[in-house]
């Protein structure tokens, strides 16, 4: 007798929209107040939802917090294959820096949540970082090593080179309000990010040129 597997129900559009709204509000609050400074009640109140309604979608604050970080990580990881998939190092650097700066500009609150978690020692997300980011870092370093062996770039400490790229691009999310204050403007604009992209790319490439 053949048994038919139960059909997997696809969430309705209204449910998906509500989940997106909850994630967006949670991201804003976690970015501003940190994990400890946010409650499910504060998120629900901002969306005019009941606590019970919010708990229907995520059973705890930690589950919702991890869902926010999963969303941030998913978007970041989707655009971070420029080095491992490239055949030419200069173009890879240009693409990687551009993607990272664009992410810093377009999702500052997500970057802020991620930075808060990292600065705290990743108490609630270390398992994901080890499972997803570490293999990607090792693959990028291995790609640089192959390019160095082929004589296409200078041999450096490529792990620390990746840290340098991450920190210089991440600064345009974490420190954007400070940068704009020093520049006497309300916020960094597209031209500022483009100038940063050009400068960071040139500096990184000059350190690698043979």
Protein backbone atom coordinates (compact mmCIF):
# COMPACT_ATOMS: atom_id res chain seq x y z
CA UNK A 1 0.00 0.00 0.00
CA UNK A 2 1.47 3.31 -1.08
CA UNK A 3 1.32 6.08 1.44
CA UNK A 4 1.13 9.60 0.15
CA UNK A 5 3.38 12.04 1.98
CA UNK A 6 1.51 14.95 3.54
CA UNK A 7 1.63 18.07 1.42
CA UNK A 8 3.85 20.88 2.65
CA UNK A 9 1.76 23.99 3.05
CA UNK A 10 3.17 27.14 1.57
CA UNK A 11 2.70 30.20 3.80
CA UNK A 12 0.11 32.59 2.51
CA UNK A 13 1.19 35.97 1.16
CA UNK A 14 -0.33 37.76 4.16
CA UNK A 15 1.64 35.52 6.53
CA UNK A 16 4.87 36.17 4.68
CA UNK A 17 4.26 39.92 4.74
CA UNK A 18 3.65 39.80 8.48
CA UNK A 19 6.83 37.80 9.05
CA UNK A 20 8.81 40.26 6.95
CA UNK A 21 7.41 43.16 8.97
CA UNK A 22 8.29 41.43 12.25
CA UNK A 23 11.83 40.70 11.07
CA UNK A 24 12.32 44.27 9.88
CA UNK A 25 11.12 45.77 13.16
CA UNK A 26 13.16 43.28 15.18
CA UNK A 27 16.24 44.17 13.15
CA UNK A 28 15.71 47.89 13.81
CA UNK A 29 15.29 47.37 17.53
CA UNK A 30 18.13 44.88 17.97
CA UNK A 31 20.40 47.24 16.02
CA UNK A 32 19.57 50.14 18.29
CA UNK A 33 19.21 48.51 21.70
CA UNK A 34 20.99 45.16 21.48
CA UNK A 35 19.58 41.77 22.40
CA UNK A 36 19.13 42.53 26.08
CA UNK A 37 17.49 45.90 25.45
CA UNK A 38 14.68 44.51 23.30
CA UNK A 39 11.58 42.59 24.32
CA UNK A 40 8.99 40.72 22.31
CA UNK A 41 6.46 43.14 23.77
CA UNK A 42 8.33 46.17 22.37
CA UNK A 43 8.48 44.59 18.90
CA UNK A 44 4.81 43.58 19.01
CA UNK A 45 3.74 47.02 20.22
CA UNK A 46 5.61 48.76 17.40
CA UNK A 47 3.69 46.64 14.89
CA UNK A 48 0.35 46.84 16.72
CA UNK A 49 0.38 43.08 17.24
CA UNK A 50 -0.35 41.03 20.31
CA UNK A 51 2.51 39.17 21.97
CA UNK A 52 0.66 35.92 21.25
CA UNK A 53 0.45 36.77 17.56
CA UNK A 54 4.20 37.37 17.40
CA UNK A 55 4.90 34.14 19.30
CA UNK A 56 2.91 32.26 16.68
CA UNK A 57 5.68 33.06 14.18
CA UNK A 58 8.72 32.87 16.50
CA UNK A 59 8.40 31.06 19.83
CA UNK A 60 11.06 33.10 21.66
CA UNK A 61 13.10 36.28 21.47
CA UNK A 62 16.24 34.25 20.82
CA UNK A 63 14.59 32.47 17.88
CA UNK A 64 13.59 35.83 16.41
CA UNK A 65 17.06 37.25 17.03
CA UNK A 66 18.68 34.34 15.25
CA UNK A 67 16.19 34.70 12.40
CA UNK A 68 17.33 38.32 11.97
CA UNK A 69 20.97 37.23 11.93
CA UNK A 70 20.14 34.40 9.51
CA UNK A 71 18.59 36.97 7.17
CA UNK A 72 21.63 39.24 7.40
CA UNK A 73 24.04 36.36 6.91
CA UNK A 74 22.07 34.95 4.02
CA UNK A 75 22.17 38.22 2.12
CA UNK A 76 25.85 38.74 2.89
CA UNK A 77 26.87 35.21 1.93
CA UNK A 78 24.92 35.38 -1.34
CA UNK A 79 27.20 38.17 -2.56
CA UNK A 80 30.52 37.00 -1.16
CA UNK A 81 31.66 34.50 -3.78
CA UNK A 82 33.59 37.00 -5.89
CA UNK A 83 36.98 35.65 -4.83
CA UNK A 84 36.42 31.90 -4.85
CA UNK A 85 34.64 31.97 -8.22
CA UNK A 86 37.01 34.39 -9.97
CA UNK A 87 39.83 33.52 -12.31
CA UNK A 88 41.55 36.92 -12.14
CA UNK A 89 42.54 38.51 -8.81
CA UNK A 90 42.13 42.22 -9.56
CA UNK A 91 38.57 41.84 -10.80
CA UNK A 92 37.80 39.65 -7.78
CA UNK A 93 39.02 42.33 -5.37
CA UNK A 94 37.02 45.03 -7.16
CA UNK A 95 33.83 42.97 -7.08
CA UNK A 96 34.26 41.84 -3.48
CA UNK A 97 34.86 45.34 -2.11
CA UNK A 98 31.98 46.77 -4.14
CA UNK A 99 29.56 44.09 -2.89
CA UNK A 100 30.63 44.51 0.73
CA UNK A 101 30.29 48.30 0.63
CA UNK A 102 26.91 48.07 -1.06
CA UNK A 103 25.73 45.77 1.71
CA UNK A 104 27.04 48.24 4.31
CA UNK A 105 25.12 51.04 2.66
CA UNK A 106 21.86 49.23 1.94
CA UNK A 107 21.46 47.35 5.23
CA UNK A 108 23.06 49.36 8.05
CA UNK A 109 20.70 48.06 10.74
CA UNK A 110 21.47 44.45 9.81
CA UNK A 111 25.17 45.22 9.94
CA UNK A 112 24.67 46.81 13.36
CA UNK A 113 22.96 43.70 14.74
CA UNK A 114 25.75 41.54 13.37
CA UNK A 115 28.47 43.81 14.81
CA UNK A 116 26.84 43.85 18.25
CA UNK A 117 26.78 40.06 18.27
CA UNK A 118 30.41 39.80 17.18
CA UNK A 119 31.64 42.40 19.67
CA UNK A 120 29.92 40.46 22.45
CA UNK A 121 31.84 37.33 21.42
CA UNK A 122 28.99 35.83 19.38
CA UNK A 123 27.29 34.16 22.38
CA UNK A 124 24.16 33.32 20.37
CA UNK A 125 25.57 32.84 16.88
CA UNK A 126 29.04 31.34 17.10
CA UNK A 127 27.83 27.99 15.76
CA UNK A 128 26.59 29.55 12.51
CA UNK A 129 29.72 31.65 12.08
CA UNK A 130 31.92 28.58 12.47
CA UNK A 131 29.78 26.52 10.09
CA UNK A 132 29.33 29.14 7.36
CA UNK A 133 31.89 31.95 7.56
CA UNK A 134 34.97 29.92 8.42
CA UNK A 135 34.73 27.67 5.33
CA UNK A 136 34.22 30.73 3.15
CA UNK A 137 37.23 32.46 4.68
CA UNK A 138 39.39 29.36 4.18
CA UNK A 139 38.26 29.09 0.56
CA UNK A 140 39.12 32.75 -0.11
CA UNK A 141 42.54 32.36 1.49
CA UNK A 142 43.17 29.20 -0.57
CA UNK A 143 42.25 31.10 -3.74
CA UNK A 144 44.73 33.85 -2.90
CA UNK A 145 47.37 31.19 -2.23
CA UNK A 146 46.80 29.67 -5.68
CA UNK A 147 47.09 33.08 -7.34
CA UNK A 148 50.33 33.70 -5.42
CA UNK A 149 51.68 30.29 -6.51
CA UNK A 150 50.86 31.23 -10.11
CA UNK A 151 52.79 34.47 -9.73
CA UNK A 152 49.72 36.65 -10.24
CA UNK A 153 49.92 38.38 -6.85
CA UNK A 154 52.43 38.98 -4.08
CA UNK A 155 52.35 36.52 -1.21
CA UNK A 156 50.96 38.07 1.97
CA UNK A 157 49.20 36.86 5.10
CA UNK A 158 45.94 36.38 3.24
CA UNK A 159 43.86 35.68 6.34
CA UNK A 160 44.73 39.10 7.73
CA UNK A 161 44.20 40.60 4.29
CA UNK A 162 40.61 39.35 4.42
CA UNK A 163 40.22 40.78 7.93
CA UNK A 164 41.46 44.12 6.59
CA UNK A 165 38.93 44.08 3.75
CA UNK A 166 36.11 43.16 6.12
CA UNK A 167 36.97 45.84 8.65
CA UNK A 168 37.50 48.66 6.14
CA UNK A 169 34.20 47.99 4.39
CA UNK A 170 32.27 47.23 7.59
CA UNK A 171 33.32 50.62 8.95
CA UNK A 172 31.07 52.27 6.39
CA UNK A 173 28.12 50.64 8.13
CA UNK A 174 29.20 50.83 11.78
CA UNK A 175 30.82 54.28 11.66
CA UNK A 176 28.79 55.96 8.91
CA UNK A 177 27.14 58.45 11.33
CA UNK A 178 30.58 59.44 12.66
CA UNK A 179 32.04 59.78 9.17
CA UNK A 180 29.13 61.92 7.97
CA UNK A 181 29.41 64.14 11.08
CA UNK A 182 33.08 64.82 10.37
CA UNK A 183 32.23 65.57 6.76
CA UNK A 184 29.55 68.06 7.81
CA UNK A 185 26.66 66.28 6.14
CA UNK A 186 23.54 64.48 7.41
CA UNK A 187 24.50 61.12 5.90
CA UNK A 188 26.97 59.49 3.58
CA UNK A 189 25.72 59.47 0.00
CA UNK A 190 26.34 57.26 -3.00
CA UNK A 191 29.33 59.34 -4.08
CA UNK A 192 31.00 58.82 -0.68
CA UNK A 193 30.61 55.06 -0.98
CA UNK A 194 31.95 55.16 -4.53
CA UNK A 195 35.05 57.09 -3.44
CA UNK A 196 35.55 54.64 -0.57
CA UNK A 197 35.21 51.73 -2.99
CA UNK A 198 37.84 53.15 -5.33
CA UNK A 199 40.30 53.95 -2.55
CA UNK A 200 39.97 50.63 -0.70
CA UNK A 201 40.25 48.70 -3.96
CA UNK A 202 43.39 50.58 -5.03
CA UNK A 203 45.08 50.15 -1.65
CA UNK A 204 44.33 46.43 -1.49
CA UNK A 205 45.44 45.83 -5.05
CA UNK A 206 48.68 47.78 -4.64
CA UNK A 207 49.56 45.56 -1.69
CA UNK A 208 49.12 42.52 -3.95
CA UNK A 209 50.69 43.72 -7.20
CA UNK A 210 53.87 41.90 -8.22
